[in-house]
Amino acid sequence: MLVAVPESAKTIIAVAAFTGARAGEIEGMVWENYRKGGLFVSRSIWHGHVTEPKTKASKAAILVVPYLAVMLERHRVRMGNPNAGPFSSIERQADWIAASPKAPEGEVTQA
């Protein structure tokens, strides 16, 4: 399946498949949340609204398997090696790894 989709969708699909994170949690990830072999969920974006993760367990570090770590590092290099910023090249909002496709640019709101 991953062979059939373009970047950055390929990396987002891999994050979902290898971590089990919810869609809103993936949209809410920032590059700062990827460190020391894990992804840390600090927020969720659902229908353009930024919220807390759904449960306490959601805030725990998610182990990043080596295959996904390689994908994330390659993706980061393609993005210009950011320490912060978007995961997706589709929408380059300053603070998000994966920006919400539901909200118009610049209109991600706090819930």
Protein backbone atom coordinates (compact mmCIF):
# COMPACT_ATOMS: atom_id res chain seq x y z
CA MET A 1 0.00 0.00 0.00
CA LEU A 2 2.76 2.49 0.86
CA VAL A 3 4.32 2.09 -2.57
CA ALA A 4 1.12 3.36 -4.21
CA VAL A 5 0.87 6.72 -2.38
CA PRO A 6 2.98 9.87 -2.67
CA GLU A 7 4.97 11.58 0.06
CA SER A 8 3.96 12.99 2.56
CA ALA A 9 0.87 10.81 2.69
CA LYS A 10 3.14 7.75 2.78
CA THR A 11 4.78 8.89 6.01
CA ILE A 12 1.48 9.85 7.64
CA ILE A 13 0.01 6.43 6.77
CA ALA A 14 3.13 4.75 8.21
CA VAL A 15 2.81 6.78 11.44
CA ALA A 16 -0.81 5.61 11.75
CA ALA A 17 0.00 1.99 10.97
CA PHE A 18 3.09 1.64 13.15
CA THR A 19 1.95 3.71 16.16
CA GLY A 20 -1.79 3.15 16.43
CA ALA A 21 -2.25 6.88 17.01
CA ARG A 22 -5.68 8.30 16.27
CA ALA A 23 -6.12 10.54 13.21
CA GLY A 24 -6.54 13.67 15.33
CA GLU A 25 -3.44 12.82 17.36
CA ILE A 26 -1.40 12.46 14.18
CA GLU A 27 -2.71 15.79 12.90
CA GLY A 28 -1.74 17.41 16.20
CA MET A 29 1.84 16.11 16.29
CA VAL A 30 4.69 18.58 16.05
CA TRP A 31 8.32 17.78 15.23
CA GLU A 32 9.22 18.64 18.83
CA ASN A 33 7.10 15.61 19.84
CA TYR A 34 9.43 13.24 17.97
CA ARG A 35 12.48 12.54 20.08
CA LYS A 36 14.49 9.76 21.74
CA GLY A 37 12.85 6.99 19.72
CA GLY A 38 9.31 8.04 20.51
CA LEU A 39 6.40 10.23 19.53
CA PHE A 40 4.79 12.18 22.33
CA VAL A 41 1.13 13.12 21.91
CA SER A 42 0.49 16.55 23.39
CA ARG A 43 -2.66 17.53 21.50
CA SER A 44 -5.23 16.40 18.99
CA ILE A 45 -6.82 18.26 16.08
CA TRP A 46 -10.35 17.31 15.15
CA HIS A 47 -12.42 19.24 12.61
CA GLY A 48 -9.95 22.12 12.87
CA HIS A 49 -10.08 22.39 16.66
CA VAL A 50 -7.05 21.80 18.88
CA THR A 51 -7.90 19.72 21.95
CA GLU A 52 -6.21 17.64 24.62
CA PRO A 53 -5.56 14.00 23.70
CA LYS A 54 -8.58 11.78 24.22
CA THR A 55 -7.25 9.85 27.24
CA LYS A 56 -4.36 9.93 29.74
CA ALA A 57 -2.93 6.87 28.01
CA SER A 58 -2.89 8.85 24.75
CA LYS A 59 -0.33 11.23 26.27
CA ALA A 60 2.20 8.43 26.85
CA ALA A 61 5.21 8.09 24.58
CA ILE A 62 4.63 5.90 21.53
CA LEU A 63 7.63 3.75 20.61
CA VAL A 64 8.86 4.36 17.06
CA VAL A 65 10.02 1.15 15.39
CA PRO A 66 13.27 1.40 13.39
CA TYR A 67 11.52 1.23 9.98
CA LEU A 68 9.29 4.18 10.90
CA ALA A 69 12.24 6.08 12.39
CA VAL A 70 14.05 5.84 9.04
CA MET A 71 10.92 7.05 7.22
CA LEU A 72 10.53 10.00 9.61
CA GLU A 73 14.17 11.02 9.30
CA ARG A 74 14.05 10.83 5.50
CA HIS A 75 10.85 12.85 5.52
CA ARG A 76 12.42 15.42 7.83
CA VAL A 77 15.37 15.80 5.42
CA ARG A 78 12.95 16.24 2.48
CA MET A 79 11.22 18.97 4.50
CA GLY A 80 14.50 20.87 4.98
CA ASN A 81 15.47 19.23 8.31
CA PRO A 82 13.14 21.22 10.60
CA ASN A 83 13.30 20.98 14.38
CA ALA A 84 9.79 22.39 14.51
CA GLY A 85 7.07 22.79 11.94
CA PRO A 86 4.73 20.75 9.83
CA PHE A 87 5.01 17.08 9.06
CA SER A 88 3.04 17.51 5.88
CA SER A 89 4.35 19.52 2.95
CA ILE A 90 0.73 20.09 1.90
CA GLU A 91 0.15 22.82 4.49
CA ARG A 92 3.11 24.53 6.17
CA GLN A 93 1.72 25.91 9.41
CA ALA A 94 4.52 26.72 11.83
CA ASP A 95 3.63 24.42 14.72
CA TRP A 96 2.07 21.25 13.29
CA ILE A 97 3.55 17.97 12.09
CA ALA A 98 0.35 17.14 10.21
CA ALA A 99 -1.92 20.12 9.56
CA SER A 100 -5.67 19.64 9.51
CA PRO A 101 -7.11 19.41 5.99
CA LYS A 102 -10.52 20.44 7.36
CA ALA A 103 -9.58 23.97 8.45
CA PRO A 104 -8.62 26.65 5.91
CA GLU A 105 -5.00 27.78 6.16
CA GLY A 106 -4.39 29.86 9.25
CA GLU A 107 -7.71 28.90 10.83
CA VAL A 108 -6.77 26.09 13.19
CA THR A 109 -8.55 27.06 16.39
CA GLN A 110 -8.10 26.23 20.04
CA ALA A 111 -11.06 24.33 21.54
